[in-house]
Amino acid sequence: MEAAEELERRSKFLNSLIQKKKAKEQQDQNDQFNVRVRACDMPLPLQNKAFKCARDHLDTMPGKLDSKRLALALKKEFDCSYGPAWHCIVGASFGSYVTHSLGGFLYFSIDKVYILLFKTAVEPLEH
C-alpha cells in the first residue's frame, strides 16, 4: 500500500511541475506579444492564434488603429480556420454581454487595444 501511495504522490508532483512549466511558457508568449487575457473560455492553441493574428495585423498599422480592419481580419481568420460563426469587436472602450459557444470566447488586450472574439452556433433557416 505504501508503494502505491508514494507513486501517486510522485505522479501528482510531476504533474504539478508540468502544469507550472506550461503556464510559464504561456506567460512568456503573452509577454512577447504584449497580451493580457481579461476573460477566456478558449483552448490555448486558439488563444495563441488570436494573439499572433492580432499582433501581426497591429504591426502593419503604423500610427492610427484601424479597428474595423483588425476585427475583420480576426473574424475571417477564425471563420476560415474553425468554421462559422465568429464575431469580433475591437476598440479602446466598449461594453458587451454576449452568448458564446462552449470553448469559443476570448477577451484580451494587446498594447492598449481591447479585443473580444467569440463564436456562436449557426442554425439553418427553415423555409
Protein backbone atom coordinates (compact mmCIF):
# COMPACT_ATOMS: atom_id res chain seq x y z
CA MET A 1 0.00 0.00 0.00
CA GLU A 2 2.82 2.44 0.83
CA ALA A 3 4.40 1.98 -2.62
CA ALA A 4 1.13 2.85 -4.36
CA GLU A 5 0.73 5.97 -2.21
CA GLU A 6 4.30 7.05 -2.93
CA LEU A 7 3.77 6.50 -6.65
CA GLU A 8 0.58 8.59 -6.54
CA ARG A 9 2.38 11.36 -4.61
CA ARG A 10 5.23 11.46 -7.14
CA SER A 11 2.80 11.42 -10.05
CA LYS A 12 0.93 14.43 -8.62
CA PHE A 13 4.22 16.25 -8.02
CA LEU A 14 5.42 15.66 -11.61
CA ASN A 15 2.04 16.72 -12.99
CA SER A 16 2.20 19.97 -11.00
CA LEU A 17 5.70 20.66 -12.40
CA ILE A 18 4.42 20.10 -15.95
CA GLN A 19 1.46 22.44 -15.39
CA LYS A 20 3.74 25.14 -13.95
CA LYS A 21 6.07 24.85 -16.95
CA LYS A 22 3.16 25.15 -19.39
CA ALA A 23 1.81 28.19 -17.53
CA LYS A 24 5.27 29.84 -17.60
CA GLU A 25 5.63 29.17 -21.35
CA GLN A 26 2.17 30.66 -21.98
CA GLN A 27 3.01 33.73 -19.90
CA ASP A 28 6.28 34.19 -21.79
CA GLN A 29 4.40 34.11 -25.10
CA ASN A 30 1.81 36.58 -23.77
CA ASP A 31 4.63 38.91 -22.72
CA GLN A 32 6.23 38.60 -26.17
CA PHE A 33 3.01 39.81 -27.84
CA ASN A 34 2.24 42.30 -25.01
CA VAL A 35 -1.05 40.47 -24.34
CA ARG A 36 -3.21 40.40 -21.23
CA VAL A 37 -6.08 37.92 -21.09
CA ARG A 38 -9.14 39.53 -19.45
CA ALA A 39 -11.61 36.63 -19.70
CA CYS A 40 -11.41 33.34 -21.54
CA ASP A 41 -13.18 30.13 -22.45
CA MET A 42 -10.93 29.00 -25.29
CA PRO A 43 -8.21 26.35 -25.73
CA LEU A 44 -4.62 27.61 -25.65
CA PRO A 45 -3.84 26.89 -29.33
CA LEU A 46 -6.76 29.09 -30.43
CA GLN A 47 -5.78 31.81 -27.96
CA ASN A 48 -2.24 31.79 -29.33
CA LYS A 49 -3.55 32.03 -32.89
CA ALA A 50 -5.68 35.06 -31.92
CA PHE A 51 -2.72 36.74 -30.19
CA LYS A 52 -0.42 36.18 -33.15
CA CYS A 53 -3.01 37.30 -35.70
CA ALA A 54 -3.78 40.46 -33.70
CA ARG A 55 -0.10 41.26 -33.19
CA ASP A 56 0.71 40.71 -36.88
CA HIS A 57 -2.12 42.99 -38.03
CA LEU A 58 -1.38 45.68 -35.45
CA ASP A 59 2.23 45.73 -36.60
CA THR A 60 1.04 46.60 -40.14
CA MET A 61 -0.90 49.64 -38.85
CA PRO A 62 1.62 52.38 -38.17
CA GLY A 63 0.05 55.30 -36.39
CA LYS A 64 -3.73 55.10 -36.06
CA LEU A 65 -5.55 51.87 -35.21
CA ASP A 66 -8.00 50.64 -37.85
CA SER A 67 -10.30 48.72 -35.51
CA LYS A 68 -12.69 47.60 -38.27
CA ARG A 69 -9.83 46.15 -40.32
CA LEU A 70 -8.43 44.31 -37.29
CA ALA A 71 -11.85 42.94 -36.32
CA LEU A 72 -12.48 41.76 -39.89
CA ALA A 73 -9.05 40.09 -40.09
CA LEU A 74 -9.60 38.14 -36.85
CA LYS A 75 -13.14 37.15 -37.80
CA LYS A 76 -12.07 35.93 -41.25
CA GLU A 77 -9.08 34.03 -39.85
CA PHE A 78 -11.22 32.20 -37.29
CA ASP A 79 -14.14 31.60 -39.69
CA CYS A 80 -11.74 30.03 -42.22
CA SER A 81 -9.78 28.01 -39.64
CA TYR A 82 -12.54 26.92 -37.25
CA GLY A 83 -15.80 27.34 -39.15
CA PRO A 84 -18.56 29.94 -38.76
CA ALA A 85 -19.76 32.00 -36.98
CA TRP A 86 -17.06 34.04 -35.26
CA HIS A 87 -17.61 37.63 -34.15
CA CYS A 88 -15.00 40.21 -33.24
CA ILE A 89 -15.24 43.58 -31.50
CA VAL A 90 -12.17 45.81 -31.31
CA GLY A 91 -11.72 49.13 -29.55
CA ALA A 92 -10.33 51.07 -26.65
CA SER A 93 -13.60 51.21 -24.74
CA PHE A 94 -16.80 49.22 -25.19
CA GLY A 95 -19.33 47.29 -23.16
CA SER A 96 -20.65 43.90 -24.12
CA TYR A 97 -22.68 40.98 -22.97
CA VAL A 98 -22.68 38.01 -25.34
CA THR A 99 -23.67 34.38 -25.52
CA HIS A 100 -20.99 32.14 -26.98
CA SER A 101 -20.41 28.54 -27.94
CA LEU A 102 -18.50 26.40 -25.46
CA GLY A 103 -14.76 26.94 -25.86
CA GLY A 104 -15.29 29.93 -28.15
CA PHE A 105 -14.73 33.09 -26.10
CA LEU A 106 -11.66 35.29 -25.66
CA TYR A 107 -11.45 38.83 -24.32
CA PHE A 108 -7.93 40.23 -24.26
CA SER A 109 -5.91 43.38 -24.61
CA ILE A 110 -2.84 43.85 -26.73
CA ASP A 111 -0.97 47.11 -26.32
CA LYS A 112 -3.90 49.45 -25.47
CA VAL A 113 -6.40 47.75 -27.78
CA TYR A 114 -9.17 45.55 -26.36
CA ILE A 115 -10.42 42.62 -28.42
CA LEU A 116 -13.48 40.45 -27.90
CA LEU A 117 -13.57 37.33 -30.07
CA PHE A 118 -16.38 34.81 -29.73
CA LYS A 119 -18.18 32.07 -31.62
CA THR A 120 -21.91 31.43 -31.84
CA ALA A 121 -23.81 28.44 -33.18
CA VAL A 122 -25.30 28.79 -36.64
CA GLU A 123 -28.71 27.22 -37.15
CA PRO A 124 -30.03 26.54 -40.68
CA LEU A 125 -33.09 28.57 -41.62
CA GLU A 126 -36.34 26.65 -42.01
CA HIS A 127 -38.43 27.57 -45.06
